[in-house]
Protein backbone atom coordinates (compact mmCIF):
# COMPACT_ATOMS: atom_id res chain seq x y z
CA MET A 1 -1.96 34.52 -11.29
CA GLY A 2 0.74 32.03 -10.34
CA LEU A 3 1.11 28.53 -11.69
CA LEU A 4 0.39 25.41 -9.66
CA THR A 5 3.31 23.02 -10.13
CA PHE A 6 3.12 19.42 -8.95
CA SER A 7 6.56 18.16 -7.96
CA ILE A 8 7.43 14.79 -6.49
CA ASN A 9 10.05 12.03 -6.41
CA VAL A 10 8.97 8.99 -8.42
CA THR A 11 10.63 5.68 -9.27
CA LEU A 12 10.57 4.13 -12.74
CA ASP A 13 7.59 1.98 -11.73
CA GLY A 14 5.66 4.97 -10.40
CA CYS A 15 6.30 4.58 -6.67
CA VAL A 16 6.09 7.88 -4.77
CA ASP A 17 7.15 6.54 -1.35
CA HIS A 18 9.53 9.26 -0.12
CA ARG A 19 11.95 6.61 1.19
CA GLU A 20 12.59 5.25 -2.32
CA GLY A 21 14.20 8.37 -3.82
CA ILE A 22 17.90 9.18 -3.82
CA ALA A 23 18.54 11.84 -1.17
CA ASP A 24 21.86 13.49 -1.98
CA ASP A 25 23.10 17.08 -2.23
CA GLU A 26 22.10 17.37 -5.88
CA THR A 27 18.51 16.16 -5.39
CA HIS A 28 18.13 18.44 -2.36
CA ALA A 29 19.50 21.35 -4.41
CA PHE A 30 16.90 20.56 -7.10
CA PHE A 31 14.01 20.81 -4.62
CA THR A 32 15.56 23.83 -2.87
CA ARG A 33 15.65 25.67 -6.21
CA LEU A 34 12.00 24.78 -6.88
CA MET A 35 11.03 26.01 -3.43
CA ASP A 36 13.05 29.22 -3.89
CA GLU A 37 11.32 29.96 -7.19
CA GLY A 38 7.82 29.35 -5.83
CA GLY A 39 5.78 31.58 -3.59
CA ALA A 40 4.17 28.89 -1.42
CA MET A 41 3.98 25.18 -0.67
CA LEU A 42 0.74 23.17 -0.85
CA TRP A 43 0.25 19.81 0.83
CA GLY A 44 -2.41 17.44 2.00
CA ARG A 45 -2.60 16.65 5.71
CA VAL A 46 -0.62 13.38 5.53
CA THR A 47 2.31 14.98 3.70
CA TYR A 48 2.17 18.01 5.99
CA GLU A 49 2.37 15.80 9.10
CA MET A 50 5.31 13.86 7.66
CA MET A 51 7.13 17.13 6.90
CA GLU A 52 6.18 18.71 10.24
CA SER A 53 7.55 15.71 12.15
CA TYR A 54 11.09 16.25 10.85
CA TRP A 55 11.95 19.56 9.14
CA PRO A 56 11.33 22.06 11.97
CA ALA A 57 13.82 20.12 14.14
CA VAL A 58 16.37 20.25 11.32
CA ALA A 59 15.84 24.02 10.93
CA ARG A 60 16.36 24.53 14.69
CA GLY A 61 19.62 22.55 14.56
CA ASP A 62 18.27 19.70 16.71
CA VAL A 63 19.22 17.16 14.02
CA GLU A 64 22.70 16.90 12.56
CA VAL A 65 22.51 17.03 8.75
CA PRO A 66 24.71 18.12 5.83
CA PRO A 67 24.64 21.84 4.93
CA ALA A 68 22.42 21.41 1.83
CA ILE A 69 19.74 19.70 3.89
CA ARG A 70 19.90 22.33 6.63
CA GLU A 71 19.57 25.05 3.95
CA TRP A 72 16.38 23.36 2.70
CA ALA A 73 14.97 23.16 6.23
CA VAL A 74 15.68 26.80 7.06
CA LYS A 75 14.11 28.01 3.82
CA LEU A 76 11.11 25.74 4.32
CA GLU A 77 10.62 27.19 7.79
CA THR A 78 9.96 30.67 6.38
CA LYS A 79 8.07 29.60 3.23
CA PRO A 80 4.26 29.96 3.36
CA LYS A 81 2.78 26.47 3.70
CA TYR A 82 -0.88 25.67 2.89
CA VAL A 83 -2.55 22.46 4.01
CA VAL A 84 -5.76 20.95 2.69
CA SER A 85 -7.46 18.97 5.44
CA SER A 86 -10.98 18.16 6.50
CA THR A 87 -9.85 16.49 9.73
CA ARG A 88 -7.23 18.83 11.17
CA LYS A 89 -7.58 22.55 11.72
CA ASP A 90 -4.68 23.40 14.07
CA PHE A 91 -1.31 23.86 12.37
CA ARG A 92 1.49 25.12 14.63
CA TRP A 93 4.43 25.01 12.21
CA THR A 94 5.60 28.50 11.29
CA ASN A 95 3.80 30.12 8.33
CA THR A 96 1.26 27.31 7.95
CA HIS A 97 -2.27 28.07 6.78
CA HIS A 98 -5.33 25.82 6.58
CA ILE A 99 -7.32 25.46 3.37
CA ALA A 100 -10.93 24.42 3.96
CA GLY A 101 -14.11 24.74 1.98
CA ASP A 102 -14.54 24.17 -1.74
CA LEU A 103 -11.22 22.79 -3.02
CA ARG A 104 -11.48 24.30 -6.51
CA THR A 105 -12.36 27.77 -5.19
CA GLU A 106 -9.79 27.84 -2.40
CA VAL A 107 -6.86 26.56 -4.49
CA GLN A 108 -7.73 28.94 -7.32
CA LYS A 109 -7.72 31.81 -4.78
CA LEU A 110 -4.28 30.65 -3.59
CA LYS A 111 -2.96 30.58 -7.18
CA ASP A 112 -4.42 34.04 -7.84
CA ALA A 113 -2.81 35.44 -4.68
CA THR A 114 0.63 33.86 -5.33
CA PRO A 115 2.23 35.33 -8.49
CA ALA A 116 5.47 33.38 -7.94
CA GLY A 117 3.47 30.15 -8.07
CA VAL A 118 2.54 27.34 -5.73
CA LEU A 119 4.54 24.13 -5.38
CA LEU A 120 2.34 21.08 -4.73
CA GLY A 121 4.04 18.09 -3.13
CA SER A 122 1.28 15.59 -2.22
CA GLY A 123 0.34 12.68 -4.45
CA LYS A 124 -3.25 12.15 -3.32
CA LEU A 125 -3.99 15.88 -3.33
CA ALA A 126 -2.44 16.13 -6.82
CA THR A 127 -4.94 13.56 -8.09
CA GLU A 128 -7.84 15.62 -6.74
CA LEU A 129 -6.43 18.88 -8.12
CA ASP A 130 -5.74 17.29 -11.50
CA ARG A 131 -9.37 16.12 -11.63
CA LEU A 132 -10.30 19.80 -11.15
CA ASP A 133 -7.88 20.91 -13.95
CA LEU A 134 -5.92 23.11 -11.52
CA ILE A 135 -2.37 21.78 -12.10
CA ASP A 136 -0.41 23.79 -14.67
CA GLU A 137 3.01 22.13 -14.59
CA TYR A 138 4.69 18.93 -13.43
CA MET A 139 8.25 18.62 -12.15
CA PHE A 140 9.00 14.95 -11.57
CA LEU A 141 12.35 13.77 -10.28
CA VAL A 142 12.44 10.27 -11.80
CA HIS A 143 14.78 7.97 -9.87
CA PRO A 144 16.59 4.98 -11.44
CA ARG A 145 14.87 2.49 -9.17
CA ILE A 146 12.10 -0.07 -9.38
CA ALA A 147 10.44 -0.16 -5.98
CA GLY A 148 7.95 -2.94 -6.62
CA HIS A 149 5.43 -1.42 -4.21
CA GLY A 150 3.23 1.61 -3.72
CA PRO A 151 1.95 4.12 -3.20
CA THR A 152 2.06 4.97 -6.87
CA LEU A 153 1.52 8.15 -8.83
CA TYR A 154 -2.19 8.68 -9.57
CA GLN A 155 -3.03 5.38 -7.88
CA SER A 156 -6.75 6.22 -7.68
CA GLY A 157 -6.84 7.22 -11.34
CA LEU A 158 -8.01 10.16 -13.42
CA PRO A 159 -11.16 10.37 -15.54
CA SER A 160 -9.12 10.79 -18.74
CA THR A 161 -5.56 10.82 -20.03
CA ARG A 162 -3.64 14.01 -19.27
CA ARG A 163 -1.53 15.08 -22.29
CA LEU A 164 1.62 17.06 -21.47
CA ASP A 165 4.29 18.98 -23.35
CA LEU A 166 7.92 18.37 -22.40
CA VAL A 167 9.64 21.57 -21.28
CA SER A 168 12.97 20.04 -20.25
CA ALA A 169 14.73 16.88 -19.11
CA LYS A 170 17.91 17.17 -17.08
CA PRO A 171 19.90 14.15 -15.90
CA LEU A 172 21.51 14.33 -12.46
CA ARG A 173 24.80 12.66 -11.50
CA CYS A 174 22.98 10.07 -9.34
CA GLY A 175 21.05 8.82 -12.38
CA ALA A 176 17.78 10.57 -11.59
CA VAL A 177 16.24 12.75 -14.31
CA ALA A 178 14.44 16.02 -13.61
CA MET A 179 11.43 16.02 -15.96
CA HIS A 180 9.54 19.30 -16.47
CA TYR A 181 6.17 19.11 -18.23
CA ARG A 182 3.44 21.66 -18.92
CA ARG A 183 -0.21 20.98 -19.63
CA GLU A 184 -0.63 20.46 -23.35
CA CYS A 185 -1.35 23.73 -25.10
CA GLY A 186 -3.17 22.47 -28.16
């Protein structure tokens, strides 16, 4: 069984708006490595639609971007992508699969079928999966910014405090810190 790892950009005040993070070669390399190590991506519909609106065009070469960003797009194109949605059922982006039905059962099946692990990149979906005790690890890229607005991490709350064990903390040149946590063992 593979691990489900929640990974997202977050500011010091908890903002997870994708426009608030630092997008440079080093941060892209961080997420490219995570994607390379994982067996699949998992998103909610809103995140999927945001990704679908931009990255396929980058992979095709329709958008001029630096090499590190193009590398991410090309790898993302071939990576299996799973989308949880109750409102959309048609997903045309290459290697995209719909997850419907009981969330706990379907995500557990995905974890069981993906030994290399699943990388979760949607804040609202992460809250739901955390409520179901399905997230095993957290990889937050904490940016040295105070956004002063939302959306924020776990904005709709959890029923109880989630205790985590620090695996590693690695500062990046831009001032962001890659924080790796695992669910508390004891």
